[in-house]
Amino acid sequence: MKMTRKACSVAFTIGWASALTFGWIALAAPPDEPAGLRTINMILAAFGAGAGLWSWMRVRRDI
């Protein structure tokens, strides 16, 4: 499957935005928040960072 540069750029933006958002939610969570919810936020942040990094590598390879 070949992704265009525009699709990779959109994936980059959405990936890093979700990584920052969910990472902030996980870090700024109140102490009484369930550990499971914090773990889900960290996993979503990791997936967002992975998507952002993967799409950045795809864009850099096409240049």
N, C-alpha and C. Protein backbone atom coordinates (compact mmCIF):
# COMPACT_ATOMS: atom_id res chain seq x y z
N MET A 1 0.84 -1.17 0.00
CA MET A 1 0.00 0.00 0.00
C MET A 1 0.89 1.24 0.00
N LYS A 2 0.68 2.10 -0.96
CA LYS A 2 1.46 3.31 -1.06
C LYS A 2 0.67 4.49 -0.52
N MET A 3 1.24 5.13 0.47
CA MET A 3 0.60 6.32 1.04
C MET A 3 1.20 7.56 0.40
N THR A 4 0.37 8.51 0.12
CA THR A 4 0.86 9.75 -0.44
C THR A 4 1.52 10.59 0.65
N ARG A 5 2.25 11.58 0.22
CA ARG A 5 2.92 12.46 1.17
C ARG A 5 1.91 13.21 2.03
N LYS A 6 0.78 13.57 1.44
CA LYS A 6 -0.24 14.29 2.19
C LYS A 6 -0.85 13.40 3.28
N ALA A 7 -1.11 12.14 2.96
CA ALA A 7 -1.66 11.21 3.96
C ALA A 7 -0.66 10.98 5.08
N CYS A 8 0.62 10.87 4.74
CA CYS A 8 1.65 10.71 5.78
C CYS A 8 1.75 11.95 6.65
N SER A 9 1.60 13.11 6.05
CA SER A 9 1.65 14.35 6.83
C SER A 9 0.48 14.45 7.79
N VAL A 10 -0.69 14.03 7.34
CA VAL A 10 -1.86 14.03 8.21
C VAL A 10 -1.67 13.03 9.35
N ALA A 11 -1.15 11.84 9.03
CA ALA A 11 -0.90 10.82 10.06
C ALA A 11 0.15 11.32 11.05
N PHE A 12 1.15 12.04 10.56
CA PHE A 12 2.18 12.61 11.44
C PHE A 12 1.56 13.59 12.43
N THR A 13 0.73 14.49 11.92
CA THR A 13 0.12 15.51 12.77
C THR A 13 -0.83 14.90 13.80
N ILE A 14 -1.67 13.99 13.34
CA ILE A 14 -2.63 13.36 14.25
C ILE A 14 -1.91 12.47 15.25
N GLY A 15 -0.89 11.75 14.80
CA GLY A 15 -0.14 10.87 15.70
C GLY A 15 0.53 11.62 16.82
N TRP A 16 1.26 12.68 16.48
CA TRP A 16 1.96 13.42 17.53
C TRP A 16 1.01 14.22 18.39
N ALA A 17 -0.10 14.69 17.81
CA ALA A 17 -1.09 15.40 18.62
C ALA A 17 -1.71 14.46 19.64
N SER A 18 -2.01 13.23 19.23
CA SER A 18 -2.57 12.28 20.19
C SER A 18 -1.52 11.87 21.22
N ALA A 19 -0.26 11.75 20.81
CA ALA A 19 0.79 11.41 21.77
C ALA A 19 0.91 12.50 22.83
N LEU A 20 0.90 13.75 22.41
CA LEU A 20 0.99 14.85 23.38
C LEU A 20 -0.25 14.94 24.25
N THR A 21 -1.41 14.77 23.65
CA THR A 21 -2.66 14.88 24.41
C THR A 21 -2.78 13.78 25.45
N PHE A 22 -2.65 12.52 25.01
CA PHE A 22 -2.82 11.42 25.95
C PHE A 22 -1.67 11.35 26.94
N GLY A 23 -0.48 11.75 26.53
CA GLY A 23 0.63 11.81 27.46
C GLY A 23 0.38 12.83 28.55
N TRP A 24 -0.15 13.98 28.18
CA TRP A 24 -0.46 15.00 29.17
C TRP A 24 -1.57 14.53 30.10
N ILE A 25 -2.59 13.87 29.54
CA ILE A 25 -3.67 13.36 30.38
C ILE A 25 -3.13 12.35 31.39
N ALA A 26 -2.22 11.48 30.95
CA ALA A 26 -1.65 10.48 31.86
C ALA A 26 -0.79 11.13 32.93
N LEU A 27 -0.02 12.15 32.57
CA LEU A 27 0.86 12.79 33.55
C LEU A 27 0.12 13.70 34.51
N ALA A 28 -0.93 14.35 34.04
CA ALA A 28 -1.65 15.31 34.87
C ALA A 28 -2.85 14.69 35.59
N ALA A 29 -2.95 13.38 35.59
CA ALA A 29 -4.09 12.72 36.20
C ALA A 29 -4.05 12.91 37.72
N PRO A 30 -5.21 13.05 38.32
CA PRO A 30 -5.24 13.16 39.79
C PRO A 30 -4.81 11.84 40.43
N PRO A 31 -4.29 11.90 41.65
CA PRO A 31 -3.79 10.68 42.29
C PRO A 31 -4.86 9.61 42.53
N ASP A 32 -6.13 10.00 42.63
CA ASP A 32 -7.18 9.02 42.90
C ASP A 32 -7.76 8.40 41.63
N GLU A 33 -7.20 8.72 40.46
CA GLU A 33 -7.67 8.11 39.21
C GLU A 33 -7.22 6.65 39.15
N PRO A 34 -8.08 5.76 38.66
CA PRO A 34 -7.71 4.34 38.60
C PRO A 34 -6.47 4.12 37.73
N ALA A 35 -5.64 3.17 38.15
CA ALA A 35 -4.39 2.88 37.44
C ALA A 35 -4.67 2.37 36.03
N GLY A 36 -5.77 1.66 35.84
CA GLY A 36 -6.12 1.14 34.52
C GLY A 36 -6.35 2.25 33.51
N LEU A 37 -6.99 3.31 33.94
CA LEU A 37 -7.25 4.45 33.05
C LEU A 37 -5.95 5.16 32.68
N ARG A 38 -5.05 5.29 33.65
CA ARG A 38 -3.76 5.90 33.38
C ARG A 38 -2.95 5.04 32.41
N THR A 39 -3.03 3.74 32.55
CA THR A 39 -2.33 2.82 31.65
C THR A 39 -2.86 2.93 30.22
N ILE A 40 -4.18 3.01 30.09
CA ILE A 40 -4.78 3.17 28.76
C ILE A 40 -4.29 4.46 28.12
N ASN A 41 -4.23 5.54 28.89
CA ASN A 41 -3.75 6.81 28.34
C ASN A 41 -2.29 6.71 27.90
N MET A 42 -1.47 6.00 28.67
CA MET A 42 -0.06 5.84 28.28
C MET A 42 0.07 4.99 27.02
N ILE A 43 -0.75 3.96 26.89
CA ILE A 43 -0.72 3.11 25.69
C ILE A 43 -1.16 3.91 24.47
N LEU A 44 -2.21 4.71 24.60
CA LEU A 44 -2.66 5.54 23.48
C LEU A 44 -1.60 6.57 23.10
N ALA A 45 -0.91 7.12 24.08
CA ALA A 45 0.17 8.07 23.80
C ALA A 45 1.31 7.37 23.06
N ALA A 46 1.63 6.14 23.45
CA ALA A 46 2.70 5.40 22.77
C ALA A 46 2.31 5.06 21.34
N PHE A 47 1.06 4.67 21.13
CA PHE A 47 0.61 4.39 19.76
C PHE A 47 0.64 5.66 18.90
N GLY A 48 0.26 6.79 19.48
CA GLY A 48 0.31 8.05 18.74
C GLY A 48 1.74 8.43 18.38
N ALA A 49 2.66 8.23 19.31
CA ALA A 49 4.07 8.53 19.02
C ALA A 49 4.61 7.58 17.96
N GLY A 50 4.20 6.33 18.02
CA GLY A 50 4.63 5.36 17.01
C GLY A 50 4.11 5.73 15.63
N ALA A 51 2.85 6.13 15.55
CA ALA A 51 2.27 6.53 14.27
C ALA A 51 2.96 7.79 13.74
N GLY A 52 3.24 8.73 14.62
CA GLY A 52 3.93 9.95 14.19
C GLY A 52 5.33 9.66 13.70
N LEU A 53 6.05 8.80 14.40
CA LEU A 53 7.41 8.46 14.00
C LEU A 53 7.41 7.67 12.69
N TRP A 54 6.49 6.72 12.56
CA TRP A 54 6.42 5.91 11.33
C TRP A 54 6.10 6.79 10.13
N SER A 55 5.14 7.71 10.28
CA SER A 55 4.78 8.56 9.14
C SER A 55 5.90 9.55 8.82
N TRP A 56 6.65 10.01 9.82
CA TRP A 56 7.79 10.88 9.56
C TRP A 56 8.86 10.15 8.75
N MET A 57 9.10 8.90 9.10
CA MET A 57 10.08 8.11 8.35
C MET A 57 9.62 7.91 6.90
N ARG A 58 8.32 7.72 6.70
CA ARG A 58 7.80 7.55 5.35
C ARG A 58 7.96 8.85 4.54
N VAL A 59 7.68 9.98 5.17
CA VAL A 59 7.84 11.26 4.46
C VAL A 59 9.30 11.51 4.14
N ARG A 60 10.18 11.25 5.08
CA ARG A 60 11.62 11.49 4.85
C ARG A 60 12.17 10.56 3.77
N ARG A 61 11.64 9.35 3.67
CA ARG A 61 12.13 8.40 2.67
C ARG A 61 11.71 8.84 1.26
N ASP A 62 10.55 9.49 1.14
CA ASP A 62 10.04 9.91 -0.17
C ASP A 62 10.72 11.15 -0.70
N ILE A 63 11.37 11.92 0.14
CA ILE A 63 11.97 13.17 -0.33
C ILE A 63 13.21 12.91 -1.14
